[in-house]
Structure formats: C-alpha cells, structure tokens
Amino acid sequence: MNGYIAYCGLNCEACEARLATIHNDDALRGKVAKLWSELNGVEITPEMINCEGCRIDGVKTPYCDTLCPVRQCALGKKMGTCGDCAKVRSCEKAGMILGNNEEARRNLGI
C-alpha cells in the first residue's frame, strides 16, 4: 500500500499540511491553520503545520503525532492501516472518517 495513505485511509500525499511542509510554503501553512482552527474550534498556529505524513518517518502536526485516536490505536495494535483490523467496520474511531469518506474506504480496501 502507498505509504502516504494514512492509517484511516486519508491520502496524506494530497494533504495541504504535507504540501506546505514539503514546499516550505508559509502562506499555505497559514491557510491550513486558519481552516483547521475553524473546523476544530481550537487555536492552530501556522507553526504547527508541519507534517510529512501519518505513516512516513518525519515531522508531524501535534494532532497527527500524538492526539489522533486512529493513529494511536493502529500504532498500538501494530497495524499497517485500519484496513488490516478485523474490527474496522464497527470501529467508532475509524468510523469518524470512514463513515463519510468513500475515498478513504477505497484506499483501505473496505
């Protein structure tokens, strides 16, 4: 599986946080921080927008690194992705993303 597919099936390769990181694009970091702050109801600063991918070695946003319940679960279970887990279809954590994202479900083969 493509290493840029996150544990939850999202495509990190297309993520604006990753694009801002690999292109060192501070304007895009600002755009992402503003949007994510509004969507999540918390302050996210442009300095937090540094991520190379969920399953890729390298820098991660604070959320992706330690707060994402899906990533923490998959790491704890030593799963390649949530698609490797027998409980993925009934999982509340993965369901937050997979429930409304057909691309993520396809990326995981479910």
PDB file of N, CA and C in Angstrom:
ATOM      1  N   MET A   1       0.848  -1.184   0.000  1.00  0.00           N
ATOM      2  CA  MET A   1       0.000   0.000   0.000  1.00  0.00           C
ATOM      3  C   MET A   1       0.888   1.240   0.000  1.00  0.00           C
ATOM      4  N   ASN A   2       0.428   2.243  -0.669  1.00  0.00           N
ATOM      5  CA  ASN A   2       1.106   3.543  -0.718  1.00  0.00           C
ATOM      6  C   ASN A   2       1.376   4.038   0.708  1.00  0.00           C
ATOM      7  N   GLY A   3       2.619   4.374   1.006  1.00  0.00           N
ATOM      8  CA  GLY A   3       2.992   4.850   2.336  1.00  0.00           C
ATOM      9  C   GLY A   3       2.346   6.170   2.720  1.00  0.00           C
ATOM     10  N   TYR A   4       1.804   6.884   1.741  1.00  0.00           N
ATOM     11  CA  TYR A   4       1.152   8.149   2.036  1.00  0.00           C
ATOM     12  C   TYR A   4      -0.320   7.992   2.392  1.00  0.00           C
ATOM     13  N   ILE A   5      -0.824   6.762   2.362  1.00  0.00           N
ATOM     14  CA  ILE A   5      -2.184   6.530   2.827  1.00  0.00           C
ATOM     15  C   ILE A   5      -2.114   6.406   4.343  1.00  0.00           C
ATOM     16  N   ALA A   6      -2.854   7.275   5.012  1.00  0.00           N
ATOM     17  CA  ALA A   6      -2.841   7.300   6.482  1.00  0.00           C
ATOM     18  C   ALA A   6      -3.490   6.035   7.042  1.00  0.00           C
ATOM     19  N   TYR A   7      -3.313   5.807   8.329  1.00  0.00           N
ATOM     20  CA  TYR A   7      -3.930   4.664   8.987  1.00  0.00           C
ATOM     21  C   TYR A   7      -5.430   4.629   8.734  1.00  0.00           C
ATOM     22  N   CYS A   8      -6.061   5.799   8.671  1.00  0.00           N
ATOM     23  CA  CYS A   8      -7.509   5.906   8.495  1.00  0.00           C
ATOM     24  C   CYS A   8      -7.936   5.867   7.035  1.00  0.00           C
ATOM     25  N   GLY A   9      -6.987   5.873   6.117  1.00  0.00           N
ATOM     26  CA  GLY A   9      -7.321   5.836   4.702  1.00  0.00           C
ATOM     27  C   GLY A   9      -7.233   7.172   3.991  1.00  0.00           C
ATOM     28  N   LEU A  10      -7.074   8.255   4.735  1.00  0.00           N
ATOM     29  CA  LEU A  10      -6.916   9.551   4.077  1.00  0.00           C
ATOM     30  C   LEU A  10      -5.601   9.576   3.311  1.00  0.00           C
ATOM     31  N   ASN A  11      -5.542  10.386   2.273  1.00  0.00           N
ATOM     32  CA  ASN A  11      -4.359  10.466   1.423  1.00  0.00           C
ATOM     33  C   ASN A  11      -3.470  11.621   1.878  1.00  0.00           C
ATOM     34  N   CYS A  12      -2.431  11.313   2.642  1.00  0.00           N
ATOM     35  CA  CYS A  12      -1.510  12.338   3.138  1.00  0.00           C
ATOM     36  C   CYS A  12      -0.783  13.050   1.993  1.00  0.00           C
ATOM     37  N   GLU A  13      -0.590  12.355   0.893  1.00  0.00           N
ATOM     38  CA  GLU A  13       0.137  12.942  -0.225  1.00  0.00           C
ATOM     39  C   GLU A  13      -0.558  14.198  -0.744  1.00  0.00           C
ATOM     40  N   ALA A  14      -1.899  14.236  -0.633  1.00  0.00           N
ATOM     41  CA  ALA A  14      -2.670  15.378  -1.108  1.00  0.00           C
ATOM     42  C   ALA A  14      -3.002  16.385   0.000  1.00  0.00           C
ATOM     43  N   CYS A  15      -2.612  16.094   1.230  1.00  0.00           N
ATOM     44  CA  CYS A  15      -2.934  16.953   2.371  1.00  0.00           C
ATOM     45  C   CYS A  15      -2.185  18.281   2.273  1.00  0.00           C
ATOM     46  N   GLU A  16      -2.909  19.376   2.461  1.00  0.00           N
ATOM     47  CA  GLU A  16      -2.282  20.693   2.367  1.00  0.00           C
ATOM     48  C   GLU A  16      -1.231  20.922   3.449  1.00  0.00           C
ATOM     49  N   ALA A  17      -1.368  20.283   4.597  1.00  0.00           N
ATOM     50  CA  ALA A  17      -0.333  20.413   5.633  1.00  0.00           C
ATOM     51  C   ALA A  17       0.969  19.791   5.141  1.00  0.00           C
ATOM     52  N   ARG A  18       0.884  18.634   4.509  1.00  0.00           N
ATOM     53  CA  ARG A  18       2.084  17.999   3.952  1.00  0.00           C
ATOM     54  C   ARG A  18       2.651  18.839   2.818  1.00  0.00           C
ATOM     55  N   LEU A  19       1.791  19.341   1.948  1.00  0.00           N
ATOM     56  CA  LEU A  19       2.262  20.155   0.828  1.00  0.00           C
ATOM     57  C   LEU A  19       2.960  21.419   1.324  1.00  0.00           C
ATOM     58  N   ALA A  20       2.401  22.046   2.351  1.00  0.00           N
ATOM     59  CA  ALA A  20       3.036  23.236   2.927  1.00  0.00           C
ATOM     60  C   ALA A  20       4.406  22.891   3.504  1.00  0.00           C
ATOM     61  N   THR A  21       4.508  21.708   4.102  1.00  0.00           N
ATOM     62  CA  THR A  21       5.773  21.275   4.699  1.00  0.00           C
ATOM     63  C   THR A  21       6.822  21.013   3.632  1.00  0.00           C
ATOM     64  N   ILE A  22       6.478  20.209   2.638  1.00  0.00           N
ATOM     65  CA  ILE A  22       7.498  19.822   1.659  1.00  0.00           C
ATOM     66  C   ILE A  22       7.902  20.974   0.748  1.00  0.00           C
ATOM     67  N   HIS A  23       7.005  21.976   0.591  1.00  0.00           N
ATOM     68  CA  HIS A  23       7.336  23.141  -0.234  1.00  0.00           C
ATOM     69  C   HIS A  23       7.747  24.348   0.606  1.00  0.00           C
ATOM     70  N   ASN A  24       7.779  24.173   1.934  1.00  0.00           N
ATOM     71  CA  ASN A  24       8.100  25.250   2.858  1.00  0.00           C
ATOM     72  C   ASN A  24       7.289  26.505   2.536  1.00  0.00           C
ATOM     73  N   ASP A  25       5.981  26.315   2.428  1.00  0.00           N
ATOM     74  CA  ASP A  25       5.048  27.349   1.993  1.00  0.00           C
ATOM     75  C   ASP A  25       4.306  27.935   3.204  1.00  0.00           C
ATOM     76  N   ASP A  26       4.808  29.055   3.713  1.00  0.00           N
ATOM     77  CA  ASP A  26       4.216  29.658   4.902  1.00  0.00           C
ATOM     78  C   ASP A  26       2.814  30.193   4.651  1.00  0.00           C
ATOM     79  N   ALA A  27       2.524  30.657   3.433  1.00  0.00           N
ATOM     80  CA  ALA A  27       1.165  31.123   3.114  1.00  0.00           C
ATOM     81  C   ALA A  27       0.180  29.963   3.211  1.00  0.00           C
ATOM     82  N   LEU A  28       0.554  28.806   2.700  1.00  0.00           N
ATOM     83  CA  LEU A  28      -0.316  27.637   2.783  1.00  0.00           C
ATOM     84  C   LEU A  28      -0.436  27.159   4.222  1.00  0.00           C
ATOM     85  N   ARG A  29       0.646  27.234   4.998  1.00  0.00           N
ATOM     86  CA  ARG A  29       0.560  26.888   6.426  1.00  0.00           C
ATOM     87  C   ARG A  29      -0.484  27.774   7.113  1.00  0.00           C
ATOM     88  N   GLY A  30      -0.463  29.065   6.804  1.00  0.00           N
ATOM     89  CA  GLY A  30      -1.426  29.989   7.390  1.00  0.00           C
ATOM     90  C   GLY A  30      -2.850  29.648   7.001  1.00  0.00           C
ATOM     91  N   LYS A  31      -3.059  29.308   5.742  1.00  0.00           N
ATOM     92  CA  LYS A  31      -4.396  28.938   5.255  1.00  0.00           C
ATOM     93  C   LYS A  31      -4.898  27.686   5.977  1.00  0.00           C
ATOM     94  N   VAL A  32      -4.042  26.675   6.074  1.00  0.00           N
ATOM     95  CA  VAL A  32      -4.419  25.420   6.728  1.00  0.00           C
ATOM     96  C   VAL A  32      -4.694  25.660   8.215  1.00  0.00           C
ATOM     97  N   ALA A  33      -3.845  26.417   8.874  1.00  0.00           N
ATOM     98  CA  ALA A  33      -4.034  26.695  10.305  1.00  0.00           C
ATOM     99  C   ALA A  33      -5.368  27.393  10.552  1.00  0.00           C
ATOM    100  N   LYS A  34      -5.695  28.352   9.712  1.00  0.00           N
ATOM    101  CA  LYS A  34      -6.964  29.078   9.860  1.00  0.00           C
ATOM    102  C   LYS A  34      -8.154  28.141   9.674  1.00  0.00           C
ATOM    103  N   LEU A  35      -8.117  27.337   8.610  1.00  0.00           N
ATOM    104  CA  LEU A  35      -9.215  26.414   8.335  1.00  0.00           C
ATOM    105  C   LEU A  35      -9.354  25.374   9.440  1.00  0.00           C
ATOM    106  N   TRP A  36      -8.248  24.765   9.824  1.00  0.00           N
ATOM    107  CA  TRP A  36      -8.308  23.735  10.859  1.00  0.00           C
ATOM    108  C   TRP A  36      -8.733  24.317  12.200  1.00  0.00           C
ATOM    109  N   SER A  37      -8.355  25.554  12.496  1.00  0.00           N
ATOM    110  CA  SER A  37      -8.798  26.214  13.733  1.00  0.00           C
ATOM    111  C   SER A  37     -10.312  26.361  13.731  1.00  0.00           C
ATOM    112  N   GLU A  38     -10.858  26.802  12.594  1.00  0.00           N
ATOM    113  CA  GLU A  38     -12.318  26.982  12.477  1.00  0.00           C
ATOM    114  C   GLU A  38     -13.040  25.644  12.563  1.00  0.00           C
ATOM    115  N   LEU A  39     -12.544  24.641  11.870  1.00  0.00           N
ATOM    116  CA  LEU A  39     -13.199  23.332  11.850  1.00  0.00           C
ATOM    117  C   LEU A  39     -13.178  22.640  13.204  1.00  0.00           C
ATOM    118  N   ASN A  40     -12.102  22.852  13.969  1.00  0.00           N
ATOM    119  CA  ASN A  40     -11.917  22.126  15.222  1.00  0.00           C
ATOM    120  C   ASN A  40     -12.209  22.943  16.473  1.00  0.00           C
ATOM    121  N   GLY A  41     -12.445  24.220  16.324  1.00  0.00           N
ATOM    122  CA  GLY A  41     -12.760  25.061  17.473  1.00  0.00           C
ATOM    123  C   GLY A  41     -11.613  25.213  18.452  1.00  0.00           C
ATOM    124  N   VAL A  42     -10.388  25.106  17.951  1.00  0.00           N
ATOM    125  CA  VAL A  42      -9.189  25.296  18.777  1.00  0.00           C
ATOM    126  C   VAL A  42      -8.207  26.144  17.988  1.00  0.00           C
ATOM    127  N   GLU A  43      -7.274  26.766  18.697  1.00  0.00           N
ATOM    128  CA  GLU A  43      -6.276  27.568  18.004  1.00  0.00           C
ATOM    129  C   GLU A  43      -5.165  26.677  17.462  1.00  0.00           C
ATOM    130  N   ILE A  44      -5.011  26.712  16.171  1.00  0.00           N
ATOM    131  CA  ILE A  44      -3.928  26.007  15.488  1.00  0.00           C
ATOM    132  C   ILE A  44      -3.104  27.069  14.786  1.00  0.00           C
ATOM    133  N   THR A  45      -1.836  27.127  15.110  1.00  0.00           N
ATOM    134  CA  THR A  45      -0.982  28.165  14.544  1.00  0.00           C
ATOM    135  C   THR A  45      -0.257  27.640  13.298  1.00  0.00           C
ATOM    136  N   PRO A  46       0.158  28.548  12.420  1.00  0.00           N
ATOM    137  CA  PRO A  46       0.908  28.112  11.237  1.00  0.00           C
ATOM    138  C   PRO A  46       2.162  27.310  11.601  1.00  0.00           C
ATOM    139  N   GLU A  47       2.765  27.605  12.738  1.00  0.00           N
ATOM    140  CA  GLU A  47       3.963  26.883  13.164  1.00  0.00           C
ATOM    141  C   GLU A  47       3.679  25.404  13.449  1.00  0.00           C
ATOM    142  N   MET A  48       2.427  25.075  13.725  1.00  0.00           N
ATOM    143  CA  MET A  48       2.033  23.691  13.980  1.00  0.00           C
ATOM    144  C   MET A  48       1.848  22.897  12.688  1.00  0.00           C
ATOM    145  N   ILE A  49       1.781  23.591  11.572  1.00  0.00           N
ATOM    146  CA  ILE A  49       1.507  22.938  10.290  1.00  0.00           C
ATOM    147  C   ILE A  49       2.820  22.489   9.659  1.00  0.00           C
ATOM    148  N   ASN A  50       3.304  21.379  10.137  1.00  0.00           N
ATOM    149  CA  ASN A  50       4.498  20.714   9.616  1.00  0.00           C
ATOM    150  C   ASN A  50       4.248  19.228   9.733  1.00  0.00           C
ATOM    151  N   CYS A  51       4.094  18.563   8.594  1.00  0.00           N
ATOM    152  CA  CYS A  51       3.798  17.138   8.600  1.00  0.00           C
ATOM    153  C   CYS A  51       4.253  16.523   7.290  1.00  0.00           C
ATOM    154  N   GLU A  52       4.892  15.383   7.391  1.00  0.00           N
ATOM    155  CA  GLU A  52       5.343  14.684   6.186  1.00  0.00           C
ATOM    156  C   GLU A  52       4.468  13.484   5.864  1.00  0.00           C
ATOM    157  N   GLY A  53       3.553  13.147   6.740  1.00  0.00           N
ATOM    158  CA  GLY A  53       2.646  12.023   6.509  1.00  0.00           C
ATOM    159  C   GLY A  53       2.493  11.174   7.749  1.00  0.00           C
ATOM    160  N   CYS A  54       1.320  10.634   7.910  1.00  0.00           N
ATOM    161  CA  CYS A  54       0.937   9.859   9.092  1.00  0.00           C
ATOM    162  C   CYS A  54       1.822   8.635   9.308  1.00  0.00           C
ATOM    163  N   ARG A  55       2.091   7.894   8.234  1.00  0.00           N
ATOM    164  CA  ARG A  55       2.852   6.647   8.359  1.00  0.00           C
ATOM    165  C   ARG A  55       4.275   6.788   7.846  1.00  0.00           C
ATOM    166  N   ILE A  56       4.686   7.995   7.509  1.00  0.00           N
ATOM    167  CA  ILE A  56       6.023   8.277   6.992  1.00  0.00           C
ATOM    168  C   ILE A  56       6.886   8.776   8.153  1.00  0.00           C
ATOM    169  N   ASP A  57       8.125   8.316   8.225  1.00  0.00           N
ATOM    170  CA  ASP A  57       9.042   8.858   9.230  1.00  0.00           C
ATOM    171  C   ASP A  57       9.236  10.337   8.951  1.00  0.00           C
ATOM    172  N   GLY A  58       9.231  11.129   9.984  1.00  0.00           N
ATOM    173  CA  GLY A  58       9.438  12.563   9.826  1.00  0.00           C
ATOM    174  C   GLY A  58       8.493  13.352  10.706  1.00  0.00           C
ATOM    175  N   VAL A  59       8.529  14.637  10.533  1.00  0.00           N
ATOM    176  CA  VAL A  59       7.748  15.565  11.346  1.00  0.00           C
ATOM    177  C   VAL A  59       6.248  15.350  11.126  1.00  0.00           C
ATOM    178  N   LYS A  60       5.474  15.611  12.195  1.00  0.00           N
ATOM    179  CA  LYS A  60       4.026  15.503  12.159  1.00  0.00           C
ATOM    180  C   LYS A  60       3.415  16.698  12.886  1.00  0.00           C
ATOM    181  N   THR A  61       2.186  17.038  12.522  1.00  0.00           N
ATOM    182  CA  THR A  61       1.483  18.061  13.293  1.00  0.00           C
ATOM    183  C   THR A  61       1.268  17.510  14.698  1.00  0.00           C
ATOM    184  N   PRO A  62       1.074  18.367  15.703  1.00  0.00           N
ATOM    185  CA  PRO A  62       0.836  17.853  17.055  1.00  0.00           C
ATOM    186  C   PRO A  62      -0.348  16.875  17.101  1.00  0.00           C
ATOM    187  N   TYR A  63      -1.410  17.187  16.357  1.00  0.00           N
ATOM    188  CA  TYR A  63      -2.568  16.285  16.360  1.00  0.00           C
ATOM    189  C   TYR A  63      -2.198  14.927  15.769  1.00  0.00           C
ATOM    190  N   CYS A  64      -1.618  14.951  14.587  1.00  0.00           N
ATOM    191  CA  CYS A  64      -1.278  13.692  13.921  1.00  0.00           C
ATOM    192  C   CYS A  64      -0.266  12.883  14.725  1.00  0.00           C
ATOM    193  N   ASP A  65       0.637  13.555  15.391  1.00  0.00           N
ATOM    194  CA  ASP A  65       1.696  12.867  16.127  1.00  0.00           C
ATOM    195  C   ASP A  65       1.170  12.139  17.350  1.00  0.00           C
ATOM    196  N   THR A  66       0.440  12.831  18.212  1.00  0.00           N
ATOM    197  CA  THR A  66       0.091  12.230  19.500  1.00  0.00           C
ATOM    198  C   THR A  66      -1.388  12.257  19.863  1.00  0.00           C
ATOM    199  N   LEU A  67      -2.207  13.031  19.173  1.00  0.00           N
ATOM    200  CA  LEU A  67      -3.598  13.184  19.584  1.00  0.00           C
ATOM    201  C   LEU A  67      -4.591  12.373  18.761  1.00  0.00           C
ATOM    202  N   CYS A  68      -4.250  12.018  17.535  1.00  0.00           N
ATOM    203  CA  CYS A  68      -5.179  11.310  16.658  1.00  0.00           C
ATOM    204  C   CYS A  68      -5.488   9.925  17.236  1.00  0.00           C
ATOM    205  N   PRO A  69      -6.752   9.677  17.610  1.00  0.00           N
ATOM    206  CA  PRO A  69      -7.074   8.379  18.209  1.00  0.00           C
ATOM    207  C   PRO A  69      -6.911   7.219  17.219  1.00  0.00           C
ATOM    208  N   VAL A  70      -7.137   7.467  15.947  1.00  0.00           N
ATOM    209  CA  VAL A  70      -6.993   6.410  14.947  1.00  0.00           C
ATOM    210  C   VAL A  70      -5.532   5.987  14.830  1.00  0.00           C
ATOM    211  N   ARG A  71      -4.647   6.969  14.700  1.00  0.00           N
ATOM    212  CA  ARG A  71      -3.215   6.660  14.576  1.00  0.00           C
ATOM    213  C   ARG A  71      -2.701   5.959  15.828  1.00  0.00           C
ATOM    214  N   GLN A  72      -3.088   6.444  16.995  1.00  0.00           N
ATOM    215  CA  GLN A  72      -2.623   5.839  18.241  1.00  0.00           C
ATOM    216  C   GLN A  72      -3.098   4.393  18.367  1.00  0.00           C
ATOM    217  N   CYS A  73      -4.333   4.133  17.956  1.00  0.00           N
ATOM    218  CA  CYS A  73      -4.872   2.771  18.011  1.00  0.00           C
ATOM    219  C   CYS A  73      -4.104   1.853  17.063  1.00  0.00           C
ATOM    220  N   ALA A  74      -3.915   2.296  15.821  1.00  0.00           N
ATOM    221  CA  ALA A  74      -3.213   1.469  14.833  1.00  0.00           C
ATOM    222  C   ALA A  74      -1.770   1.207  15.249  1.00  0.00           C
ATOM    223  N   LEU A  75      -1.110   2.224  15.786  1.00  0.00           N
ATOM    224  CA  LEU A  75       0.260   2.029  16.270  1.00  0.00           C
ATOM    225  C   LEU A  75       0.283   1.018  17.418  1.00  0.00           C
ATOM    226  N   GLY A  76      -0.667   1.162  18.338  1.00  0.00           N
ATOM    227  CA  GLY A  76      -0.731   0.260  19.487  1.00  0.00           C
ATOM    228  C   GLY A  76      -0.987  -1.182  19.083  1.00  0.00           C
ATOM    229  N   LYS A  77      -1.794  -1.365  18.041  1.00  0.00           N
ATOM    230  CA  LYS A  77      -2.103  -2.714  17.557  1.00  0.00           C
ATOM    231  C   LYS A  77      -1.096  -3.201  16.522  1.00  0.00           C
ATOM    232  N   LYS A  78      -0.127  -2.337  16.195  1.00  0.00           N
ATOM    233  CA  LYS A  78       0.888  -2.655  15.184  1.00  0.00           C
ATOM    234  C   LYS A  78       0.265  -3.036  13.841  1.00  0.00           C
ATOM    235  N   MET A  79      -0.750  -2.246  13.452  1.00  0.00           N
ATOM    236  CA  MET A  79      -1.450  -2.449  12.191  1.00  0.00           C
ATOM    237  C   MET A  79      -0.814  -1.578  11.110  1.00  0.00           C
ATOM    238  N   GLY A  80      -0.762  -2.083   9.896  1.00  0.00           N
ATOM    239  CA  GLY A  80      -0.286  -1.269   8.775  1.00  0.00           C
ATOM    240  C   GLY A  80      -1.215  -0.103   8.532  1.00  0.00           C
ATOM    241  N   THR A  81      -2.510  -0.392   8.508  1.00  0.00           N
ATOM    242  CA  THR A  81      -3.572   0.621   8.428  1.00  0.00           C
ATOM    243  C   THR A  81      -4.796   0.043   9.138  1.00  0.00           C
ATOM    244  N   CYS A  82      -5.825   0.833   9.260  1.00  0.00           N
ATOM    245  CA  CYS A  82      -7.073   0.341   9.849  1.00  0.00           C
ATOM    246  C   CYS A  82      -7.694  -0.753   8.979  1.00  0.00           C
ATOM    247  N   GLY A  83      -7.372  -0.756   7.692  1.00  0.00           N
ATOM    248  CA  GLY A  83      -7.885  -1.787   6.804  1.00  0.00           C
ATOM    249  C   GLY A  83      -7.414  -3.182   7.183  1.00  0.00           C
ATOM    250  N   ASP A  84      -6.345  -3.278   7.968  1.00  0.00           N
ATOM    251  CA  ASP A  84      -5.822  -4.566   8.419  1.00  0.00           C
ATOM    252  C   ASP A  84      -6.533  -5.088   9.663  1.00  0.00           C
ATOM    253  N   CYS A  85      -7.371  -4.257  10.258  1.00  0.00           N
ATOM    254  CA  CYS A  85      -8.034  -4.607  11.514  1.00  0.00           C
ATOM    255  C   CYS A  85      -9.403  -5.237  11.235  1.00  0.00           C
ATOM    256  N   ALA A  86      -9.672  -6.376  11.863  1.00  0.00           N
ATOM    257  CA  ALA A  86     -10.942  -7.075  11.679  1.00  0.00           C
ATOM    258  C   ALA A  86     -12.131  -6.269  12.193  1.00  0.00           C
ATOM    259  N   LYS A  87     -11.883  -5.302  13.079  1.00  0.00           N
ATOM    260  CA  LYS A  87     -12.973  -4.528  13.684  1.00  0.00           C
ATOM    261  C   LYS A  87     -13.217  -3.197  12.986  1.00  0.00           C
ATOM    262  N   VAL A  88     -12.563  -2.943  11.845  1.00  0.00           N
ATOM    263  CA  VAL A  88     -12.627  -1.625  11.218  1.00  0.00           C
ATOM    264  C   VAL A  88     -14.061  -1.203  10.884  1.00  0.00           C
ATOM    265  N   ARG A  89     -14.893  -2.110  10.444  1.00  0.00           N
ATOM    266  CA  ARG A  89     -16.254  -1.733  10.022  1.00  0.00           C
ATOM    267  C   ARG A  89     -17.141  -1.281  11.193  1.00  0.00           C
ATOM    268  N   SER A  90     -16.802  -1.704  12.404  1.00  0.00           N
ATOM    269  CA  SER A  90     -17.594  -1.314  13.573  1.00  0.00           C
ATOM    270  C   SER A  90     -16.841  -0.348  14.488  1.00  0.00           C
ATOM    271  N   CYS A  91     -15.661   0.087  14.085  1.00  0.00           N
ATOM    272  CA  CYS A  91     -14.814   0.929  14.936  1.00  0.00           C
ATOM    273  C   CYS A  91     -15.325   2.373  14.967  1.00  0.00           C
ATOM    274  N   GLU A  92     -15.559   2.881  16.165  1.00  0.00           N
ATOM    275  CA  GLU A  92     -16.012   4.268  16.313  1.00  0.00           C
ATOM    276  C   GLU A  92     -14.925   5.260  15.906  1.00  0.00           C
ATOM    277  N   LYS A  93     -13.679   4.967  16.260  1.00  0.00           N
ATOM    278  CA  LYS A  93     -12.584   5.888  15.931  1.00  0.00           C
ATOM    279  C   LYS A  93     -12.445   6.034  14.425  1.00  0.00           C
ATOM    280  N   ALA A  94     -12.280   4.922  13.725  1.00  0.00           N
ATOM    281  CA  ALA A  94     -12.131   4.957  12.268  1.00  0.00           C
ATOM    282  C   ALA A  94     -13.422   5.427  11.610  1.00  0.00           C
ATOM    283  N   GLY A  95     -14.538   5.122  12.211  1.00  0.00           N
ATOM    284  CA  GLY A  95     -15.837   5.495  11.652  1.00  0.00           C
ATOM    285  C   GLY A  95     -16.036   6.988  11.505  1.00  0.00           C
ATOM    286  N   MET A  96     -15.351   7.773  12.346  1.00  0.00           N
ATOM    287  CA  MET A  96     -15.459   9.229  12.234  1.00  0.00           C
ATOM    288  C   MET A  96     -14.995   9.688  10.861  1.00  0.00           C
ATOM    289  N   ILE A  97     -14.060   8.992  10.267  1.00  0.00           N
ATOM    290  CA  ILE A  97     -13.540   9.346   8.949  1.00  0.00           C
ATOM    291  C   ILE A  97     -14.181   8.475   7.876  1.00  0.00           C
ATOM    292  N   LEU A  98     -14.183   7.193   8.101  1.00  0.00           N
ATOM    293  CA  LEU A  98     -14.667   6.263   7.086  1.00  0.00           C
ATOM    294  C   LEU A  98     -16.170   6.379   6.845  1.00  0.00           C
ATOM    295  N   GLY A  99     -16.900   6.864   7.838  1.00  0.00           N
ATOM    296  CA  GLY A  99     -18.343   6.984   7.705  1.00  0.00           C
ATOM    297  C   GLY A  99     -18.788   7.939   6.615  1.00  0.00           C
ATOM    298  N   ASN A 100     -17.958   8.914   6.292  1.00  0.00           N
ATOM    299  CA  ASN A 100     -18.371   9.892   5.276  1.00  0.00           C
ATOM    300  C   ASN A 100     -17.283  10.164   4.245  1.00  0.00           C
ATOM    301  N   ASN A 101     -16.356   9.226   4.066  1.00  0.00           N
ATOM    302  CA  ASN A 101     -15.277   9.454   3.112  1.00  0.00           C
ATOM    303  C   ASN A 101     -15.037   8.185   2.291  1.00  0.00           C
ATOM    304  N   GLU A 102     -15.697   8.137   1.143  1.00  0.00           N
ATOM    305  CA  GLU A 102     -15.594   6.957   0.298  1.00  0.00           C
ATOM    306  C   GLU A 102     -14.170   6.717  -0.200  1.00  0.00           C
ATOM    307  N   GLU A 103     -13.433   7.800  -0.492  1.00  0.00           N
ATOM    308  CA  GLU A 103     -12.052   7.650  -0.946  1.00  0.00           C
ATOM    309  C   GLU A 103     -11.210   6.936   0.115  1.00  0.00           C
ATOM    310  N   ALA A 104     -11.390   7.304   1.376  1.00  0.00           N
ATOM    311  CA  ALA A 104     -10.637   6.662   2.455  1.00  0.00           C
ATOM    312  C   ALA A 104     -10.984   5.180   2.536  1.00  0.00           C
ATOM    313  N   ARG A 105     -12.265   4.844   2.394  1.00  0.00           N
ATOM    314  CA  ARG A 105     -12.674   3.423   2.416  1.00  0.00           C
ATOM    315  C   ARG A 105     -12.024   2.670   1.260  1.00  0.00           C
ATOM    316  N   ARG A 106     -12.028   3.276   0.071  1.00  0.00           N
ATOM    317  CA  ARG A 106     -11.383   2.629  -1.094  1.00  0.00           C
ATOM    318  C   ARG A 106      -9.891   2.449  -0.848  1.00  0.00           C
ATOM    319  N   ASN A 107      -9.243   3.484  -0.286  1.00  0.00           N
ATOM    320  CA  ASN A 107      -7.801   3.401  -0.034  1.00  0.00           C
ATOM    321  C   ASN A 107      -7.452   2.259   0.913  1.00  0.00           C
ATOM    322  N   LEU A 108      -8.381   1.918   1.804  1.00  0.00           N
ATOM    323  CA  LEU A 108      -8.155   0.822   2.750  1.00  0.00           C
ATOM    324  C   LEU A 108      -8.673  -0.517   2.230  1.00  0.00           C
ATOM    325  N   GLY A 109      -9.352  -0.486   1.099  1.00  0.00           N
ATOM    326  CA  GLY A 109      -9.886  -1.722   0.537  1.00  0.00           C
ATOM    327  C   GLY A 109     -11.080  -2.261   1.283  1.00  0.00           C
ATOM    328  N   ILE A 110     -11.876  -1.362   1.859  1.00  0.00           N
ATOM    329  CA  ILE A 110     -13.081  -1.824   2.592  1.00  0.00           C
ATOM    330  C   ILE A 110     -14.338  -1.218   1.997  1.00  0.00           C
TER     331      ILE A 110
END
